Amino acid sequence: MDKKKRAFITGITGQDGSYLADFLLDKGYEVHGLVRRSSTLNRERLEHLTQTDGENPRQGIILHYGDLTDASMLGRLIEKINPHEVYNLGAQSHVGISFEMPVYTTEVVAMGTLKLLEAIRSTGIPTRFYQASSSEMFGNAPAPQSEETPFDPASPYGVAKVAAYNFTKNYREGHGMFAVNGILFNHESPRRGENFVTRKITLSIAQILAGKKQKIVLGNLDACRDWGYAPEYVEAMWRMMQQDQPDDYVIATGETHSVREFLENAFHMAGISDWQQFLEIDSRYHRPREVHLLVGDAAKAKKELRWEPKVKFQELIHIMLSSDCTREGISLPLHSQNLSVAATGGEKINQ
């Protein structure tokens, strides 16, 4: 009998999906991923795991064409793969873009989750289900935010994620499914999309150092977020799926830092003190509703999952900036290796 576990990941081409695929392969899983058909391949994060055409398995990863909006296709895939674990990471995940595309965001994030849950229920396959919930569901709820904090979403993305969260909880309580919500606060890495503010900052600074760019164009510098390291957060996803009973968990560092702090630290590590001359503020990047302060209380995850973050704010910035500098063919100044010299104040919310 084949005892190898099978996992099915939607959103496998994204930051979290690619790190989760790495993690599960190291655990000995056979990994299946959902990819959307397009005229150009968008699989840079999976190049080390797949053949050039992405169709043939290599190191245990198998990709399937499909879409979260196609309910019948999802049912067929679940039957074909017969997974032990399903990780729903697929989404239109950019908060700012969700204001421009609220209907599409809701269709993929909320209805896509419902269609996947219903596909699992209707096939009767006893798989475990992970839903990628988000700190954006809290909006401007009082900090620190925990599993008990009421949701107050401030964007179409946040609203759609709340719906997906509730669908997951409903299928757990109404149909007896092993379904969990991982309420992950912001988590970054060198694989973060280039239109997300942290990666936009580190890549732009690398390009400034390389002489390819003169300005970083940003919006609200005062927004405060709880930033962790993505590879550590995918381990938390897996740990949730190994519990005896399904439940929901906040995953966070418990520290909050502003976009301005991230920017200042990254410039300092690059050896640039007069960084303001490279910055341009554009009101187009301000959102109709801003979320001002997010910081998570992950005490439950620490106790029950035995999970806690190891990579801190300074190290996270250094990892991302160093990677982008390497990509641009340059090196960081030697002083940046001492992360402590780049430290600026961050606020730890009392829990």
Protein backbone atom coordinates (compact mmCIF):
# COMPACT_ATOMS: atom_id res chain seq x y z
CA MET A 1 0.00 0.00 0.00
CA ASP A 2 1.25 3.49 -0.91
CA LYS A 3 1.70 5.36 2.37
CA LYS A 4 2.98 8.53 0.76
CA LYS A 5 0.81 11.51 1.66
CA ARG A 6 -0.69 13.57 -1.16
CA ALA A 7 -1.27 17.32 -0.85
CA PHE A 8 -3.19 19.59 -3.21
CA ILE A 9 -2.24 23.29 -3.20
CA THR A 10 -4.18 26.06 -4.90
CA GLY A 11 -2.09 29.18 -5.46
CA ILE A 12 1.03 27.04 -5.75
CA THR A 13 2.75 29.57 -8.04
CA GLY A 14 2.58 32.26 -5.35
CA GLN A 15 4.99 33.01 -2.52
CA ASP A 16 3.27 30.82 0.07
CA GLY A 17 2.39 28.05 -2.36
CA SER A 18 5.96 27.63 -3.54
CA TYR A 19 7.39 27.59 -0.01
CA LEU A 20 4.70 25.15 1.09
CA ALA A 21 5.55 22.89 -1.85
CA ASP A 22 9.21 22.95 -0.78
CA PHE A 23 8.27 22.16 2.80
CA LEU A 24 5.92 19.29 1.97
CA LEU A 25 8.34 17.72 -0.50
CA ASP A 26 10.97 17.71 2.23
CA LYS A 27 8.40 15.89 4.39
CA GLY A 28 8.05 13.23 1.72
CA TYR A 29 4.68 14.30 0.30
CA GLU A 30 3.52 13.95 -3.27
CA VAL A 31 2.54 17.52 -4.10
CA HIS A 32 -0.13 18.55 -6.60
CA GLY A 33 -0.74 22.17 -7.54
CA LEU A 34 -3.46 24.14 -9.31
CA VAL A 35 -2.30 26.56 -12.01
CA ARG A 36 -4.33 28.81 -14.28
CA ARG A 37 -3.86 28.52 -18.02
CA SER A 38 -2.29 31.60 -19.58
CA SER A 39 -0.36 32.48 -22.72
CA THR A 40 2.79 33.05 -20.65
CA LEU A 41 4.11 30.81 -17.88
CA ASN A 42 4.16 32.36 -14.42
CA ARG A 43 6.10 29.70 -12.56
CA GLU A 44 9.38 31.36 -11.62
CA ARG A 45 8.96 30.33 -7.99
CA LEU A 46 8.60 26.67 -9.02
CA GLU A 47 11.39 26.42 -11.56
CA HIS A 48 13.52 24.38 -9.15
CA LEU A 49 10.67 21.86 -8.75
CA THR A 50 9.21 21.35 -12.23
CA GLN A 51 10.16 20.46 -15.76
CA THR A 52 10.31 23.33 -18.24
CA ASP A 53 6.80 22.68 -19.52
CA GLY A 54 5.41 22.13 -16.02
CA GLU A 55 3.51 19.02 -17.10
CA ASN A 56 5.74 16.20 -15.94
CA PRO A 57 6.38 15.34 -12.30
CA ARG A 58 9.80 16.06 -10.87
CA GLN A 59 10.71 15.54 -7.23
CA GLY A 60 7.08 14.73 -6.51
CA ILE A 61 5.35 17.87 -7.81
CA ILE A 62 2.52 17.61 -10.36
CA LEU A 63 0.70 20.63 -11.76
CA HIS A 64 -2.91 20.68 -12.98
CA TYR A 65 -4.60 23.36 -15.06
CA GLY A 66 -7.73 24.79 -13.50
CA ASP A 67 -9.38 27.71 -11.77
CA LEU A 68 -11.08 28.29 -8.42
CA THR A 69 -14.10 29.69 -10.23
CA ASP A 70 -14.78 26.34 -11.99
CA ALA A 71 -16.71 24.15 -9.53
CA SER A 72 -17.04 21.07 -11.76
CA MET A 73 -13.33 21.04 -12.54
CA LEU A 74 -12.49 21.26 -8.83
CA GLY A 75 -14.67 18.21 -8.12
CA ARG A 76 -12.97 16.21 -10.86
CA LEU A 77 -9.51 17.16 -9.59
CA ILE A 78 -10.32 16.22 -6.00
CA GLU A 79 -11.54 12.81 -7.18
CA LYS A 80 -8.50 12.32 -9.41
CA ILE A 81 -5.88 13.36 -6.87
CA ASN A 82 -7.63 11.93 -3.79
CA PRO A 83 -5.54 14.19 -1.52
CA HIS A 84 -4.93 13.69 2.17
CA GLU A 85 -4.56 17.45 2.61
CA VAL A 86 -5.88 20.44 0.64
CA TYR A 87 -4.29 23.88 1.11
CA ASN A 88 -6.37 26.70 -0.36
CA LEU A 89 -3.87 29.52 -0.95
CA GLY A 90 -5.29 30.72 -4.27
CA ALA A 91 -6.60 34.28 -4.32
CA GLN A 92 -6.51 37.73 -5.81
CA SER A 93 -4.34 38.68 -2.84
CA HIS A 94 -3.45 42.34 -3.37
CA VAL A 95 -5.50 44.54 -1.03
CA GLY A 96 -5.14 47.70 -3.11
CA ILE A 97 -6.17 45.98 -6.33
CA SER A 98 -9.26 44.58 -4.60
CA PHE A 99 -10.71 48.12 -4.55
CA GLU A 100 -10.36 48.20 -8.32
CA MET A 101 -11.60 44.63 -8.84
CA PRO A 102 -14.05 43.93 -6.00
CA VAL A 103 -16.30 41.53 -7.92
CA TYR A 104 -13.46 39.39 -9.25
CA THR A 105 -11.74 39.41 -5.85
CA THR A 106 -14.93 38.20 -4.17
CA GLU A 107 -15.55 35.55 -6.83
CA VAL A 108 -12.10 34.03 -6.40
CA VAL A 109 -11.51 34.54 -2.68
CA ALA A 110 -14.98 33.90 -1.24
CA MET A 111 -16.84 31.86 -3.84
CA GLY A 112 -13.71 29.97 -4.86
CA THR A 113 -13.32 28.77 -1.29
CA LEU A 114 -16.97 27.73 -1.16
CA LYS A 115 -16.70 25.82 -4.44
CA LEU A 116 -13.60 23.99 -3.24
CA LEU A 117 -15.21 23.08 0.08
CA GLU A 118 -18.33 21.84 -1.70
CA ALA A 119 -16.21 19.82 -4.13
CA ILE A 120 -14.58 18.08 -1.17
CA ARG A 121 -17.90 17.48 0.57
CA SER A 122 -19.65 16.15 -2.52
CA THR A 123 -16.89 13.69 -3.37
CA GLY A 124 -16.89 12.34 0.16
CA ILE A 125 -13.10 12.11 0.24
CA PRO A 126 -11.93 12.41 3.87
CA THR A 127 -9.31 15.05 3.24
CA ARG A 128 -8.15 17.80 5.57
CA PHE A 129 -8.68 21.40 4.45
CA TYR A 130 -6.61 24.51 5.15
CA GLN A 131 -8.00 27.97 4.38
CA ALA A 132 -5.56 30.85 4.02
CA SER A 133 -7.29 33.49 6.10
CA SER A 134 -5.78 36.94 6.56
CA SER A 135 -5.10 39.62 9.14
CA GLU A 136 -6.88 41.98 6.74
CA MET A 137 -10.12 40.50 8.11
CA PHE A 138 -9.49 42.50 11.31
CA GLY A 139 -9.23 45.85 9.55
CA ASN A 140 -9.07 48.54 12.23
CA ALA A 141 -10.16 46.31 15.12
CA PRO A 142 -8.27 47.06 18.38
CA ALA A 143 -4.75 45.61 18.61
CA PRO A 144 -3.38 43.12 19.38
CA GLN A 145 -5.68 40.94 17.30
CA SER A 146 -6.29 37.33 18.35
CA GLU A 147 -8.69 34.52 17.43
CA GLU A 148 -11.29 36.23 19.64
CA THR A 149 -11.05 39.68 18.06
CA PRO A 150 -14.18 40.66 16.05
CA PHE A 151 -13.58 41.18 12.34
CA ASP A 152 -13.87 44.67 10.86
CA PRO A 153 -12.60 44.37 7.26
CA ALA A 154 -11.67 47.61 5.50
CA SER A 155 -11.29 46.38 1.91
CA PRO A 156 -13.10 44.11 -0.57
CA TYR A 157 -10.26 41.64 -0.05
CA GLY A 158 -10.82 41.66 3.70
CA VAL A 159 -14.58 41.25 3.28
CA ALA A 160 -14.09 38.31 0.91
CA LYS A 161 -11.63 36.67 3.30
CA VAL A 162 -14.17 36.96 6.13
CA ALA A 163 -16.72 35.16 3.95
CA ALA A 164 -14.20 32.42 3.14
CA TYR A 165 -13.34 32.10 6.83
CA ASN A 166 -17.01 31.65 7.70
CA PHE A 167 -17.58 29.13 4.90
CA THR A 168 -14.67 27.09 6.25
CA LYS A 169 -15.99 27.24 9.80
CA ASN A 170 -19.50 26.35 8.58
CA TYR A 171 -18.30 23.25 6.73
CA ARG A 172 -16.34 22.20 9.81
CA GLU A 173 -19.29 22.59 12.16
CA GLY A 174 -22.08 21.69 9.76
CA HIS A 175 -20.54 18.81 7.82
CA GLY A 176 -17.93 17.51 10.22
CA MET A 177 -15.02 18.33 7.91
CA PHE A 178 -11.50 18.73 9.18
CA ALA A 179 -11.23 22.38 8.11
CA VAL A 180 -8.96 24.99 9.65
CA ASN A 181 -8.39 28.72 9.19
CA GLY A 182 -4.85 30.03 9.40
CA ILE A 183 -5.19 33.76 10.15
CA LEU A 184 -1.77 34.81 8.93
CA PHE A 185 -0.45 38.31 9.46
CA ASN A 186 1.86 39.83 6.85
CA HIS A 187 4.69 37.52 5.87
CA GLU A 188 7.40 38.38 3.39
CA SER A 189 10.38 36.86 1.57
CA PRO A 190 12.47 37.20 -1.58
CA ARG A 191 9.60 35.43 -3.38
CA ARG A 192 7.10 38.15 -2.47
CA GLY A 193 5.38 39.75 -5.47
CA GLU A 194 7.04 42.90 -6.73
CA ASN A 195 3.85 44.98 -6.32
CA PHE A 196 3.73 44.38 -2.55
CA VAL A 197 5.24 47.24 -0.57
CA THR A 198 8.04 45.35 1.18
CA ARG A 199 9.37 43.74 -1.98
CA LYS A 200 8.82 46.97 -3.90
CA ILE A 201 11.12 48.68 -1.40
CA THR A 202 13.93 46.10 -1.39
CA LEU A 203 13.92 45.60 -5.16
CA SER A 204 13.83 49.34 -5.85
CA ILE A 205 16.76 49.99 -3.49
CA ALA A 206 18.76 47.24 -5.20
CA GLN A 207 18.00 48.85 -8.55
CA ILE A 208 18.99 52.29 -7.21
CA LEU A 209 22.32 50.84 -6.05
CA ALA A 210 22.75 49.27 -9.49
CA GLY A 211 22.06 52.61 -11.19
CA LYS A 212 18.89 51.36 -12.86
CA LYS A 213 16.38 53.46 -10.94
CA GLN A 214 16.17 56.91 -9.35
CA LYS A 215 12.98 56.85 -7.25
CA ILE A 216 10.76 54.63 -5.11
CA VAL A 217 7.12 55.63 -5.44
CA LEU A 218 5.02 54.76 -2.38
CA GLY A 219 1.77 55.70 -0.66
CA ASN A 220 1.01 55.62 3.07
CA LEU A 221 4.24 55.35 5.07
CA ASP A 222 2.50 55.36 8.45
CA ALA A 223 0.61 52.07 8.06
CA CYS A 224 1.85 49.60 10.70
CA ARG A 225 2.03 45.88 10.08
CA ASP A 226 3.16 42.68 11.79
CA TRP A 227 5.77 41.30 9.38
CA GLY A 228 7.12 37.75 9.55
CA TYR A 229 9.11 35.39 7.32
CA ALA A 230 7.04 33.34 4.86
CA PRO A 231 8.90 29.98 5.07
CA GLU A 232 8.21 29.90 8.82
CA TYR A 233 4.54 30.64 8.27
CA VAL A 234 3.99 27.73 5.88
CA GLU A 235 5.29 25.42 8.59
CA ALA A 236 2.52 26.78 10.82
CA MET A 237 -0.02 25.86 8.11
CA TRP A 238 1.22 22.28 8.13
CA ARG A 239 1.18 22.09 11.92
CA MET A 240 -2.49 23.11 11.97
CA MET A 241 -3.29 20.22 9.65
CA GLN A 242 -1.58 17.69 11.94
CA GLN A 243 -3.71 18.45 15.01
CA ASP A 244 -6.15 15.92 16.43
CA GLN A 245 -9.02 18.41 16.13
CA PRO A 246 -9.49 21.23 13.59
CA ASP A 247 -9.35 24.80 14.86
CA ASP A 248 -8.41 28.34 13.82
CA TYR A 249 -5.10 30.02 14.63
CA VAL A 250 -3.52 33.47 14.41
CA ILE A 251 0.07 33.34 13.09
CA ALA A 252 2.10 36.48 13.79
CA THR A 253 5.28 37.88 15.38
CA GLY A 254 3.57 40.12 17.95
CA GLU A 255 5.58 43.14 16.78
CA THR A 256 4.41 46.03 14.65
CA HIS A 257 6.49 48.27 12.40
CA SER A 258 5.54 51.04 10.00
CA VAL A 259 6.24 51.12 6.28
CA ARG A 260 8.51 54.08 7.07
CA GLU A 261 10.57 51.91 9.45
CA PHE A 262 10.91 49.20 6.82
CA LEU A 263 12.02 51.81 4.28
CA GLU A 264 14.53 53.51 6.62
CA ASN A 265 16.06 50.21 7.70
CA ALA A 266 16.42 48.97 4.13
CA PHE A 267 18.11 52.20 3.01
CA HIS A 268 20.41 52.09 6.04
CA MET A 269 21.46 48.53 5.19
CA ALA A 270 22.19 49.75 1.65
CA GLY A 271 24.49 52.44 3.05
CA ILE A 272 22.24 55.33 1.97
CA SER A 273 21.67 57.96 4.66
CA ASP A 274 19.97 60.68 2.59
CA TRP A 275 17.22 58.30 1.46
CA GLN A 276 14.50 60.96 1.25
CA GLN A 277 15.86 62.15 -2.10
CA PHE A 278 15.00 58.75 -3.57
CA LEU A 279 11.42 58.74 -2.30
CA GLU A 280 8.27 59.99 -4.01
CA ILE A 281 4.81 59.88 -2.42
CA ASP A 282 1.91 59.36 -4.82
CA SER A 283 -1.68 59.68 -3.64
CA ARG A 284 -2.69 57.01 -6.16
CA TYR A 285 -1.26 54.45 -3.75
CA HIS A 286 -3.51 55.58 -0.90
CA ARG A 287 -6.55 53.33 -0.42
CA PRO A 288 -10.18 54.43 0.03
CA ARG A 289 -10.02 52.91 3.53
CA GLU A 290 -6.69 52.48 5.27
CA VAL A 291 -5.88 49.85 7.86
CA HIS A 292 -3.67 51.67 10.34
CA LEU A 293 -2.39 49.04 12.80
CA LEU A 294 -2.17 45.26 12.59
CA VAL A 295 -0.32 43.18 15.16
CA GLY A 296 -1.17 39.62 16.05
CA ASP A 297 -1.40 37.70 19.29
CA ALA A 298 -0.18 34.19 18.41
CA ALA A 299 -0.24 32.82 21.97
CA LYS A 300 -2.64 30.03 20.98
CA ALA A 301 -0.37 28.86 18.15
CA LYS A 302 2.62 28.95 20.45
CA LYS A 303 0.85 26.80 23.04
CA GLU A 304 -1.05 24.33 20.85
CA LEU A 305 1.06 24.17 17.68
CA ARG A 306 4.38 24.76 19.44
CA TRP A 307 5.11 27.34 16.79
CA GLU A 308 6.79 30.70 17.14
CA PRO A 309 8.69 32.92 14.70
CA LYS A 310 12.48 33.00 14.68
CA VAL A 311 13.32 35.53 11.93
CA LYS A 312 12.96 39.05 13.30
CA PHE A 313 12.24 42.34 11.51
CA GLN A 314 15.87 43.33 10.85
CA GLU A 315 16.85 39.92 9.55
CA LEU A 316 13.79 39.74 7.31
CA ILE A 317 14.71 43.03 5.63
CA HIS A 318 18.30 41.90 5.20
CA ILE A 319 17.25 38.58 3.64
CA MET A 320 15.04 40.35 1.10
CA LEU A 321 17.43 43.19 0.29
CA SER A 322 20.44 40.88 -0.04
CA SER A 323 18.49 38.62 -2.41
CA ASP A 324 17.40 41.52 -4.60
CA CYS A 325 20.94 42.93 -4.69
CA THR A 326 22.23 39.54 -5.80
CA ARG A 327 19.55 39.52 -8.47
CA GLU A 328 20.78 42.91 -9.71
CA GLY A 329 24.41 41.76 -9.69
CA ILE A 330 25.62 43.87 -6.76
CA SER A 331 26.54 43.35 -3.11
CA LEU A 332 25.38 45.09 0.04
CA PRO A 333 27.89 47.20 2.01
CA LEU A 334 29.83 45.15 4.55
CA HIS A 335 28.35 47.04 7.51
CA SER A 336 24.91 45.67 6.68
CA GLN A 337 26.03 42.23 7.81
CA ASN A 338 25.74 43.57 11.36
CA LEU A 339 21.98 43.80 11.59
CA SER A 340 22.05 45.62 14.91
CA VAL A 341 23.50 48.80 13.39
CA ALA A 342 20.37 49.14 11.26
CA ALA A 343 17.96 48.89 14.19
CA THR A 344 15.25 51.46 14.63
CA GLY A 345 12.42 51.35 17.09
CA GLY A 346 9.61 48.91 16.64
CA GLU A 347 6.62 48.66 18.94
CA LYS A 348 5.71 45.42 20.67
CA ILE A 349 2.07 45.40 21.64
CA ASN A 350 1.47 44.06 25.14
CA GLN A 351 -0.49 40.84 25.10
